[in-house]
């Protein structure tokens, strides 16, 4: 039996793909079965990273009561305490992703954010909670750049859109599972809490964060089974040039395709303002506007986020690869335009509905469109940057989406509620006022960027 026909599990750990490469030719991609196994492991790790992301959105009432904070102060836990450090740490970590062992970086990040999640559960002051969320942000910062880079080196370009979409589904399912888990725990645990061994009586919100961190050990062991693949690059680029890729070269590439990157790196930011704002405050809206406690709305919202997000993401991956096969201009980026066209109007209207059922339905459509458009971002970016720059490109995308989306989305809604309306019951209007401009500007931004994006793709392909 030749090395090329051996299963990936018995190939050398340093490079499970390079053994199959004839001299002078690019190495063969790893066997599809092992490649999808790696995606499954990354899927599970990313799902865990999402478990604590949406938990705070279910806990507005108990956290405000226990720590005496406003909507704006709460939004910092959900937004900027996490987002600022998540995004700023992503830049140097993106550089490490481009040069070091991506598997080991993900493992270190997993241990970091899981520890911080446990510390959040033990927090005794608002400052403790802020510091714990900062730790979660730093730990998770390496995950997306490293995971996207690994997938690009495991899956050939013709199937990469679907592979990235399958991986991206973990975000939707993880967010949904977070809401389901939190809603179930809030319903199952008595209001006074329940005893946790020597820790005494603990409220449901603390228990929820302990549960969210519990799978860390088996997932860490699973990660150890992932092998670092060979880094792939166009045959015109030497290994020495790949190793010496500099920040100046990266900036020069961005400038050479400024019209493209001004859009492909910016549109996810605008959509994140709408998406994270809605997800952060949806449980509170159904509580304040319709009298539905979060223990009841949480599971419904969890199903909506998981089902609509997964459907939109998988549809986006299918469309992306289908349009690539049909040579549709700007195929990857065009998927994003389709998604925004779907959710632009529902994202503005769902908070204004007179009853919970139409609000849930329009929120489903909003999440579906967001899943379609947001999942297009990594594949769109990969198509317009060389391999040796992908880690930094994804880190820059996450920097912008984090600072101005993940951070600003929840906080903007809270600021409008606290300082424009000054009334908790006006949350629905705050959501509409923040979603509308972001969705419309995002629609224009993508639509006007199709031609420059197509030119950038052609330039990358022709060298």
Protein backbone atom coordinates (compact mmCIF):
# COMPACT_ATOMS: atom_id res chain seq x y z
CA UNK A 1 0.00 0.00 0.00
CA UNK A 2 1.38 3.44 -0.96
CA UNK A 3 1.36 6.41 1.34
CA UNK A 4 -1.12 8.17 -0.91
CA UNK A 5 -3.70 5.44 -0.33
CA UNK A 6 -3.18 5.14 3.41
CA UNK A 7 -5.82 6.67 5.71
CA UNK A 8 -4.90 10.06 7.12
CA UNK A 9 -4.79 8.64 10.64
CA UNK A 10 -1.54 6.79 9.89
CA UNK A 11 0.23 9.54 8.00
CA UNK A 12 2.93 11.51 9.82
CA UNK A 13 1.48 14.15 12.10
CA UNK A 14 3.59 16.98 10.69
CA UNK A 15 1.91 16.87 7.30
CA UNK A 16 -0.86 14.45 6.44
CA UNK A 17 -1.05 15.79 2.87
CA UNK A 18 2.48 16.31 1.68
CA UNK A 19 3.33 12.62 1.42
CA UNK A 20 1.09 12.27 -1.60
CA UNK A 21 2.73 15.06 -3.59
CA UNK A 22 4.90 14.12 -6.57
CA UNK A 23 8.13 16.06 -6.78
CA UNK A 24 7.65 19.55 -8.23
CA UNK A 25 3.87 19.48 -7.91
CA UNK A 26 1.54 20.86 -5.23
CA UNK A 27 0.72 18.24 -2.56
CA UNK A 28 -2.52 16.33 -2.85
CA UNK A 29 -5.34 17.30 -0.51
CA UNK A 30 -5.89 14.97 2.47
CA UNK A 31 -8.51 12.22 2.10
CA UNK A 32 -12.03 13.66 2.16
CA UNK A 33 -13.09 11.49 5.12
CA UNK A 34 -10.32 12.85 7.33
CA UNK A 35 -10.85 16.40 6.10
CA UNK A 36 -14.51 16.24 7.11
CA UNK A 37 -13.50 14.70 10.44
CA UNK A 38 -11.35 17.77 11.07
CA UNK A 39 -14.25 20.04 10.15
CA UNK A 40 -16.44 18.09 12.59
CA UNK A 41 -13.93 18.65 15.41
CA UNK A 42 -13.68 22.36 14.58
CA UNK A 43 -17.48 22.45 14.43
CA UNK A 44 -17.74 21.03 17.96
CA UNK A 45 -15.12 23.42 19.36
CA UNK A 46 -16.82 26.41 17.76
CA UNK A 47 -20.21 25.28 19.03
CA UNK A 48 -18.78 25.27 22.55
CA UNK A 49 -17.39 28.77 22.02
CA UNK A 50 -20.91 29.97 21.23
CA UNK A 51 -22.57 28.45 24.29
CA UNK A 52 -21.72 31.37 26.54
CA UNK A 53 -22.13 34.02 23.79
CA UNK A 54 -25.93 34.32 24.04
CA UNK A 55 -26.38 33.28 27.67
CA UNK A 56 -26.18 36.89 28.95
CA UNK A 57 -29.09 37.89 26.69
CA UNK A 58 -31.35 35.63 28.79
CA UNK A 59 -30.03 37.05 32.03
CA UNK A 60 -30.76 40.76 31.74
CA UNK A 61 -33.22 40.70 34.65
CA UNK A 62 -31.21 38.63 37.20
CA UNK A 63 -27.87 40.33 36.41
CA UNK A 64 -29.35 43.84 36.55
CA UNK A 65 -31.00 42.96 39.86
CA UNK A 66 -27.99 41.29 41.50
CA UNK A 67 -25.39 43.84 40.41
CA UNK A 68 -27.56 46.97 40.22
CA UNK A 69 -26.70 47.88 36.61
CA UNK A 70 -28.49 49.60 33.71
CA UNK A 71 -29.19 48.30 30.22
CA UNK A 72 -26.10 50.13 28.99
CA UNK A 73 -23.84 48.60 31.65
CA UNK A 74 -25.30 45.18 30.88
CA UNK A 75 -24.67 45.67 27.17
CA UNK A 76 -20.94 46.02 27.86
CA UNK A 77 -20.90 42.45 29.18
CA UNK A 78 -22.64 41.23 26.06
CA UNK A 79 -20.74 43.53 23.72
CA UNK A 80 -17.59 45.55 24.20
CA UNK A 81 -16.02 43.76 27.20
CA UNK A 82 -15.84 40.74 24.94
CA UNK A 83 -15.55 42.39 21.53
CA UNK A 84 -12.69 44.84 22.10
CA UNK A 85 -10.27 42.21 23.32
CA UNK A 86 -11.61 39.55 20.95
CA UNK A 87 -10.84 41.77 17.99
CA UNK A 88 -7.60 43.40 19.15
CA UNK A 89 -6.09 40.07 20.16
CA UNK A 90 -7.12 38.69 16.78
CA UNK A 91 -4.54 40.72 14.85
CA UNK A 92 -1.36 39.35 16.48
CA UNK A 93 -2.98 35.94 16.75
CA UNK A 94 -3.83 36.09 13.05
CA UNK A 95 -0.14 36.60 12.35
CA UNK A 96 0.63 33.54 14.51
CA UNK A 97 -1.99 31.57 12.56
CA UNK A 98 -0.15 32.38 9.33
CA UNK A 99 3.12 31.02 10.74
CA UNK A 100 2.52 28.58 13.60
CA UNK A 101 0.56 25.43 14.48
CA UNK A 102 -3.09 26.30 14.09
CA UNK A 103 -4.23 23.22 16.02
CA UNK A 104 -2.13 24.18 19.05
CA UNK A 105 -3.32 27.78 18.92
CA UNK A 106 -6.95 26.65 18.96
CA UNK A 107 -6.21 24.32 21.89
CA UNK A 108 -4.67 27.15 23.91
CA UNK A 109 -7.62 29.40 23.10
CA UNK A 110 -10.10 26.70 24.15
CA UNK A 111 -8.47 26.34 27.56
CA UNK A 112 -8.36 30.13 28.01
CA UNK A 113 -12.00 30.92 27.20
CA UNK A 114 -13.36 27.91 29.12
CA UNK A 115 -11.46 28.98 32.24
CA UNK A 116 -12.79 32.53 31.86
CA UNK A 117 -16.36 31.20 31.48
CA UNK A 118 -16.01 29.37 34.80
CA UNK A 119 -14.64 32.53 36.42
CA UNK A 120 -17.70 34.45 35.17
CA UNK A 121 -19.89 31.98 37.06
CA UNK A 122 -17.94 32.78 40.27
CA UNK A 123 -18.00 36.57 39.75
CA UNK A 124 -18.94 38.59 42.84
CA UNK A 125 -18.85 42.10 41.38
CA UNK A 126 -19.62 43.74 38.06
CA UNK A 127 -15.87 44.25 37.57
CA UNK A 128 -15.29 40.51 37.99
CA UNK A 129 -17.83 39.83 35.26
CA UNK A 130 -16.18 42.35 32.92
CA UNK A 131 -12.75 40.79 33.44
CA UNK A 132 -14.09 37.30 32.82
CA UNK A 133 -15.72 38.40 29.57
CA UNK A 134 -12.41 39.94 28.52
CA UNK A 135 -10.75 36.56 29.12
CA UNK A 136 -13.38 34.84 26.99
CA UNK A 137 -12.77 37.34 24.19
CA UNK A 138 -8.99 36.82 24.21
CA UNK A 139 -9.35 33.03 24.23
CA UNK A 140 -11.84 32.94 21.36
CA UNK A 141 -9.89 35.43 19.21
CA UNK A 142 -7.70 32.75 17.66
CA UNK A 143 -10.45 30.29 16.79
CA UNK A 144 -11.97 31.70 13.60
CA UNK A 145 -8.71 32.70 11.82
CA UNK A 146 -7.13 29.33 12.64
CA UNK A 147 -10.21 27.27 11.76
CA UNK A 148 -10.82 29.00 8.42
CA UNK A 149 -7.14 28.65 7.53
CA UNK A 150 -7.15 24.94 8.38
CA UNK A 151 -10.28 24.28 6.32
CA UNK A 152 -8.78 26.07 3.31
CA UNK A 153 -5.79 23.72 3.48
CA UNK A 154 -7.92 20.60 3.90
CA UNK A 155 -10.58 21.22 1.24
CA UNK A 156 -9.96 21.90 -2.45
CA UNK A 157 -11.37 25.20 -3.78
CA UNK A 158 -14.26 23.64 -5.74
CA UNK A 159 -15.84 22.34 -2.49
CA UNK A 160 -14.61 25.02 -0.14
CA UNK A 161 -17.79 27.11 -0.10
CA UNK A 162 -19.84 24.19 1.20
CA UNK A 163 -17.15 23.16 3.67
CA UNK A 164 -16.92 26.66 5.13
CA UNK A 165 -20.71 26.83 5.26
CA UNK A 166 -20.95 23.54 7.17
CA UNK A 167 -18.38 24.82 9.64
CA UNK A 168 -20.14 28.20 9.90
CA UNK A 169 -23.37 26.41 10.87
CA UNK A 170 -21.72 25.73 14.23
CA UNK A 171 -22.14 29.42 15.07
CA UNK A 172 -25.89 29.32 14.47
CA UNK A 173 -26.38 26.00 16.25
CA UNK A 174 -24.15 27.07 19.13
CA UNK A 175 -26.03 30.34 19.57
CA UNK A 176 -29.33 28.49 19.43
CA UNK A 177 -28.10 25.85 21.87
CA UNK A 178 -27.03 28.63 24.23
CA UNK A 179 -30.56 30.05 24.27
CA UNK A 180 -32.09 26.58 24.60
CA UNK A 181 -29.73 25.65 27.44
CA UNK A 182 -30.24 28.91 29.27
CA UNK A 183 -34.02 28.83 28.87
CA UNK A 184 -34.21 25.24 30.06
CA UNK A 185 -32.04 25.92 33.12
CA UNK A 186 -34.01 29.04 34.05
CA UNK A 187 -37.23 27.01 33.85
CA UNK A 188 -35.88 23.95 35.67
CA UNK A 189 -34.04 25.64 38.55
CA UNK A 190 -36.16 27.15 41.34
CA UNK A 191 -36.07 30.97 41.67
CA UNK A 192 -34.11 30.69 44.91
CA UNK A 193 -31.46 28.55 43.20
CA UNK A 194 -30.24 25.04 43.96
CA UNK A 195 -27.39 23.55 46.01
CA UNK A 196 -24.10 22.82 44.18
CA UNK A 197 -22.02 20.66 46.53
CA UNK A 198 -19.74 22.69 48.80
CA UNK A 199 -20.57 25.88 46.90
CA UNK A 200 -23.94 26.11 48.57
CA UNK A 201 -27.08 27.56 46.99
CA UNK A 202 -26.42 28.85 43.48
CA UNK A 203 -28.77 30.79 41.19
CA UNK A 204 -29.57 29.50 37.72
CA UNK A 205 -27.42 32.06 35.87
CA UNK A 206 -24.25 30.89 37.62
CA UNK A 207 -25.04 27.25 36.99
CA UNK A 208 -25.66 27.99 33.31
CA UNK A 209 -22.11 29.30 32.85
CA UNK A 210 -20.62 26.28 34.62
CA UNK A 211 -22.55 23.99 32.29
CA UNK A 212 -21.40 25.99 29.25
CA UNK A 213 -17.75 25.31 30.13
CA UNK A 214 -18.19 21.64 31.05
CA UNK A 215 -17.29 20.01 27.66
CA UNK A 216 -13.79 21.54 27.57
CA UNK A 217 -11.86 18.36 28.49
CA UNK A 218 -13.28 15.97 25.86
CA UNK A 219 -13.00 18.66 23.18
CA UNK A 220 -9.38 19.34 24.09
CA UNK A 221 -8.65 15.64 23.66
CA UNK A 222 -10.43 15.64 20.30
CA UNK A 223 -8.31 18.56 19.12
CA UNK A 224 -5.15 16.55 19.78
CA UNK A 225 -6.25 14.17 17.02
CA UNK A 226 -6.19 16.96 14.42
CA UNK A 227 -3.04 17.09 12.32
CA UNK A 228 -1.53 20.27 10.94
CA UNK A 229 -1.86 20.15 7.12
CA UNK A 230 0.61 21.49 4.60
CA UNK A 231 0.07 25.17 3.81
CA UNK A 232 -1.07 25.62 0.24
CA UNK A 233 -0.13 28.41 -2.09
CA UNK A 234 -0.13 29.18 -5.77
CA UNK A 235 2.80 27.37 -7.39
CA UNK A 236 4.26 30.73 -8.47
CA UNK A 237 4.98 31.61 -4.85
CA UNK A 238 8.00 29.99 -3.26
CA UNK A 239 8.08 28.64 0.27
CA UNK A 240 10.62 31.29 1.20
CA UNK A 241 8.32 34.06 0.00
CA UNK A 242 5.46 32.44 1.89
CA UNK A 243 7.46 32.37 5.12
CA UNK A 244 8.61 35.94 4.72
CA UNK A 245 5.17 37.42 4.03
CA UNK A 246 5.21 40.78 5.81
CA UNK A 247 2.65 43.14 7.18
CA UNK A 248 3.76 45.70 4.58
CA UNK A 249 2.99 43.21 1.82
CA UNK A 250 -0.43 42.59 3.36
CA UNK A 251 -1.19 46.32 3.48
CA UNK A 252 0.02 46.73 -0.11
CA UNK A 253 -2.38 43.98 -1.21
CA UNK A 254 -5.28 45.70 0.55
CA UNK A 255 -4.43 49.00 -1.13
CA UNK A 256 -4.15 47.39 -4.56
CA UNK A 257 -7.71 46.13 -4.15
CA UNK A 258 -9.05 48.96 -2.01
CA UNK A 259 -12.49 49.11 -3.64
CA UNK A 260 -13.00 45.41 -2.93
CA UNK A 261 -11.74 45.33 0.65
CA UNK A 262 -13.59 48.52 1.56
CA UNK A 263 -16.72 46.45 0.99
CA UNK A 264 -15.89 42.83 1.74
CA UNK A 265 -14.39 43.75 5.12
CA UNK A 266 -17.05 46.35 5.96
CA UNK A 267 -20.37 44.76 5.07
CA UNK A 268 -20.14 42.08 7.82
CA UNK A 269 -19.70 44.91 10.31
CA UNK A 270 -22.97 46.54 9.32
CA UNK A 271 -24.84 43.26 9.34
CA UNK A 272 -23.36 42.37 12.73
CA UNK A 273 -24.86 45.54 14.21
CA UNK A 274 -28.27 44.29 13.16
CA UNK A 275 -27.70 40.65 14.06
CA UNK A 276 -25.99 40.98 17.43
CA UNK A 277 -28.31 43.78 18.45
CA UNK A 278 -31.34 41.59 17.74
CA UNK A 279 -29.94 38.48 19.42
CA UNK A 280 -28.71 40.34 22.48
CA UNK A 281 -32.07 41.97 23.20
CA UNK A 282 -34.68 39.62 21.70
CA UNK A 283 -35.36 37.78 25.01
CA UNK A 284 -35.74 41.10 26.83
CA UNK A 285 -38.07 42.42 24.12
CA UNK A 286 -40.43 39.44 24.38
CA UNK A 287 -40.36 39.86 28.16
CA UNK A 288 -41.01 43.63 28.17
CA UNK A 289 -43.38 43.92 25.19
CA UNK A 290 -45.34 40.66 25.38
CA UNK A 291 -44.87 39.49 28.98
CA UNK A 292 -43.17 36.25 27.91
CA UNK A 293 -40.53 35.21 30.49
CA UNK A 294 -37.12 34.30 29.15
CA UNK A 295 -37.54 30.74 30.42
CA UNK A 296 -40.27 30.40 27.75
CA UNK A 297 -38.92 32.63 24.97
CA UNK A 298 -35.37 31.28 25.29
CA UNK A 299 -36.09 27.81 23.85
CA UNK A 300 -38.21 29.28 21.03
CA UNK A 301 -35.47 31.76 20.16
CA UNK A 302 -32.92 28.97 20.37
CA UNK A 303 -34.79 26.94 17.76
CA UNK A 304 -35.18 30.01 15.53
CA UNK A 305 -31.50 30.92 15.70
CA UNK A 306 -30.30 27.33 15.18
CA UNK A 307 -32.76 26.40 12.40
CA UNK A 308 -32.82 29.68 10.47
CA UNK A 309 -29.12 30.32 10.92
CA UNK A 310 -28.18 26.80 9.81
CA UNK A 311 -30.55 26.90 6.82
CA UNK A 312 -29.25 30.27 5.68
CA UNK A 313 -25.63 29.25 6.11
CA UNK A 314 -25.97 25.95 4.24
CA UNK A 315 -27.96 27.62 1.46
CA UNK A 316 -25.21 30.22 1.17
CA UNK A 317 -22.52 27.56 0.81
CA UNK A 318 -24.55 25.71 -1.83
CA UNK A 319 -25.21 28.89 -3.83
CA UNK A 320 -21.59 29.95 -3.53
CA UNK A 321 -20.19 26.72 -5.01
CA UNK A 322 -22.98 26.46 -7.59
CA UNK A 323 -22.36 29.98 -8.87
CA UNK A 324 -18.61 29.36 -8.93
CA UNK A 325 -19.18 26.24 -11.06
CA UNK A 326 -21.34 28.30 -13.43
CA UNK A 327 -18.71 31.07 -13.59
CA UNK A 328 -21.11 33.69 -12.22
CA UNK A 329 -19.15 36.96 -11.73
CA UNK A 330 -18.35 37.74 -8.05
CA UNK A 331 -20.09 34.50 -7.09
CA UNK A 332 -18.97 34.35 -3.45
CA UNK A 333 -19.80 38.00 -2.80
CA UNK A 334 -23.13 37.82 -4.65
CA UNK A 335 -24.39 35.40 -1.99
CA UNK A 336 -24.06 38.17 0.58
CA UNK A 337 -26.25 40.47 -1.54
CA UNK A 338 -28.93 37.78 -1.72
CA UNK A 339 -28.97 37.44 2.06
CA UNK A 340 -29.27 41.17 2.73
CA UNK A 341 -32.13 41.45 0.23
CA UNK A 342 -33.97 38.79 2.25
CA UNK A 343 -33.60 40.28 5.74
CA UNK A 344 -33.41 44.06 5.23
CA UNK A 345 -37.13 44.74 5.70
CA UNK A 346 -37.94 42.00 8.29
CA UNK A 347 -35.04 43.16 10.50
CA UNK A 348 -36.74 46.54 10.86
CA UNK A 349 -40.29 45.27 11.31
CA UNK A 350 -40.01 42.31 13.67
CA UNK A 351 -39.66 44.36 16.89
CA UNK A 352 -42.75 46.44 15.97
CA UNK A 353 -45.19 43.54 15.58
CA UNK A 354 -48.35 43.72 17.72
CA UNK A 355 -48.06 40.11 18.86
CA UNK A 356 -45.33 37.55 19.57
CA UNK A 357 -46.15 35.13 16.72
CA UNK A 358 -45.53 37.54 13.81
CA UNK A 359 -42.49 38.85 15.67
CA UNK A 360 -41.06 35.32 15.91
CA UNK A 361 -41.80 34.69 12.20
CA UNK A 362 -40.10 37.88 11.00
CA UNK A 363 -37.18 37.25 13.32
CA UNK A 364 -36.82 33.81 11.70
CA UNK A 365 -36.61 35.46 8.25
CA UNK A 366 -34.10 37.99 9.61
CA UNK A 367 -31.82 35.28 10.99
CA UNK A 368 -32.17 33.26 7.76
CA UNK A 369 -30.99 36.20 5.65
CA UNK A 370 -28.24 37.06 8.10
CA UNK A 371 -26.97 33.47 7.99
CA UNK A 372 -26.90 33.57 4.20
CA UNK A 373 -25.03 36.87 3.98
CA UNK A 374 -22.66 36.54 6.93
CA UNK A 375 -21.52 33.03 6.03
CA UNK A 376 -20.41 34.37 2.66
CA UNK A 377 -17.76 36.59 4.24
CA UNK A 378 -14.95 34.06 4.93
CA UNK A 379 -15.19 32.44 1.48
CA UNK A 380 -15.40 35.88 -0.15
CA UNK A 381 -12.25 37.02 1.65
CA UNK A 382 -10.34 33.81 0.90
CA UNK A 383 -11.00 34.31 -2.81
CA UNK A 384 -9.24 37.69 -2.91
CA UNK A 385 -6.17 37.07 -0.71
CA UNK A 386 -3.20 34.70 -1.13
CA UNK A 387 -2.94 31.79 1.30
CA UNK A 388 -0.07 33.37 3.23
CA UNK A 389 -2.30 36.35 4.14
CA UNK A 390 -5.53 34.55 5.04
CA UNK A 391 -5.02 34.49 8.79
CA UNK A 392 -4.48 38.25 8.93
CA UNK A 393 -7.29 38.97 6.48
CA UNK A 394 -9.77 36.98 8.58
CA UNK A 395 -8.43 38.62 11.75
CA UNK A 396 -8.96 42.07 10.22
CA UNK A 397 -12.49 41.10 9.19
CA UNK A 398 -13.19 39.95 12.75
CA UNK A 399 -11.62 43.14 14.15
CA UNK A 400 -14.04 45.35 12.24
CA UNK A 401 -17.05 43.09 12.73
CA UNK A 402 -16.25 42.78 16.43
CA UNK A 403 -15.58 46.41 17.31
CA UNK A 404 -18.41 47.86 15.24
CA UNK A 405 -20.78 44.92 15.16
CA UNK A 406 -20.46 42.52 18.06
CA UNK A 407 -19.60 45.42 20.37
CA UNK A 408 -21.71 48.25 18.98
CA UNK A 409 -24.83 46.20 18.16
CA UNK A 410 -25.93 45.42 21.73
CA UNK A 411 -24.59 48.72 23.11
CA UNK A 412 -26.25 50.94 20.49
CA UNK A 413 -29.64 49.43 21.29
CA UNK A 414 -29.08 49.97 25.02
CA UNK A 415 -27.89 53.56 24.54
CA UNK A 416 -31.00 54.45 22.51
CA UNK A 417 -33.23 52.81 25.13
CA UNK A 418 -31.55 54.52 28.09
CA UNK A 419 -30.73 57.95 26.68
CA UNK A 420 -33.15 58.60 23.80
CA UNK A 421 -36.36 57.04 25.08
CA UNK A 422 -35.42 56.65 28.76
CA UNK A 423 -37.92 53.84 29.07
CA UNK A 424 -37.36 50.07 29.17
CA UNK A 425 -40.66 49.53 27.35
CA UNK A 426 -39.30 51.37 24.28
CA UNK A 427 -36.78 48.62 23.52
CA UNK A 428 -38.71 47.69 20.35
CA UNK A 429 -38.15 51.14 18.87
CA UNK A 430 -34.47 51.07 19.79
CA UNK A 431 -34.04 47.81 17.89
CA UNK A 432 -35.74 49.20 14.80
CA UNK A 433 -33.76 52.46 14.83
CA UNK A 434 -30.42 50.63 14.97
CA UNK A 435 -31.30 47.89 12.45
CA UNK A 436 -32.71 50.04 9.65
CA UNK A 437 -29.70 52.18 8.68
CA UNK A 438 -27.27 49.26 9.01
CA UNK A 439 -29.31 46.96 6.76
CA UNK A 440 -29.88 49.58 4.06
CA UNK A 441 -26.27 50.74 3.97
CA UNK A 442 -25.11 47.12 3.84
CA UNK A 443 -27.40 46.50 0.87
CA UNK A 444 -25.90 49.43 -1.03
CA UNK A 445 -22.34 48.53 -0.06
CA UNK A 446 -22.53 44.99 -1.41
CA UNK A 447 -24.45 45.92 -4.54
CA UNK A 448 -21.90 48.57 -5.48
CA UNK A 449 -19.01 46.20 -4.80
CA UNK A 450 -19.78 43.34 -7.18
CA UNK A 451 -17.75 44.72 -10.09
CA UNK A 452 -14.58 45.63 -8.15
CA UNK A 453 -14.80 42.27 -6.36
CA UNK A 454 -14.97 40.40 -9.67
CA UNK A 455 -11.88 42.30 -10.88
CA UNK A 456 -9.97 41.35 -7.71
CA UNK A 457 -10.85 37.68 -8.09
CA UNK A 458 -9.62 37.75 -11.69
CA UNK A 459 -6.38 39.42 -10.62
CA UNK A 460 -5.71 36.75 -7.96
CA UNK A 461 -6.43 33.92 -10.39
CA UNK A 462 -4.16 35.30 -13.13
CA UNK A 463 -1.34 36.15 -10.72
